[in-house]
Amino acid sequence: MIKKMSSKKTKSKKAGRKKNRKAQVWISDYTMSLLLFIIALIIAVKIIINNFGANTAFIDLKADAAKISDTLLSEGFPADWTNESVLRPGILTGERLNSTKVYNAMNMSYTTLGPKFQTRYDFIVIFQDKNDDMIEFNDSSDSDSKCVIGSPEVSINSVGSAPNLDCHNLELDSIDYDDLVTLTRLVVYDSTIVKMVVYAWNE
């Protein structure tokens, strides 16, 4: 009788140990699974937030580039504006490019232009002919040639100097940016179709 009882106790102790081991294994598996799930959730949330922030900034940048081009491709306000009286620096007269208005816009200070276009981003605007050569503009009262509206920080690959300035292309590697948007619009100038190219970027 004594031997049988002791063997039963031993068996019950072994069974209890097995249950304890199984419970410990189950708890550690559960803890590890929960920990991995939380880490994966944190990483997913960070990725979503980062992508959403980047997409929002890029969408805002595209909207501002469109706003700049829309403002420029209008007659402006007042329609016969000068640099002293301008509220909206449009460069068209009768749906055609007005070289005097373009030159005036190129002569405006960059710090003045930003608020006129209602943008917080950096920008530059150029004009190109059918061969993608940059077009220079001058005014009858001034022999100085200009070829860009906007940021003075962008280097221009050019030959000569005013009044014989010959601009070729922008050197966009001269600026630091996170996102860059390019928007091209067509406009009539001197009975030909030319391109107005707007570059806008954020840092």
Foldseek 3Di string as FASTA:
>chain_A
DVVVVVVVVVVVVVVVVVVVVVVVVVVVVVVVVVVVVVVVVVVVVVVVVVVVVVVVVVVLQVVLLVLLVVLQQDCFPPNPDALVRGLGQHQDDPQAGNLVSVVRQQVHDQVVVCVSSVHPWFKKKFKAAPVRFTDWGDDPVDQFIGTMHTDPQWDWDWDDGTSPIGTGGIDVVSDDFDDKDKDWDWGHYPNGIMIMIMITGHD
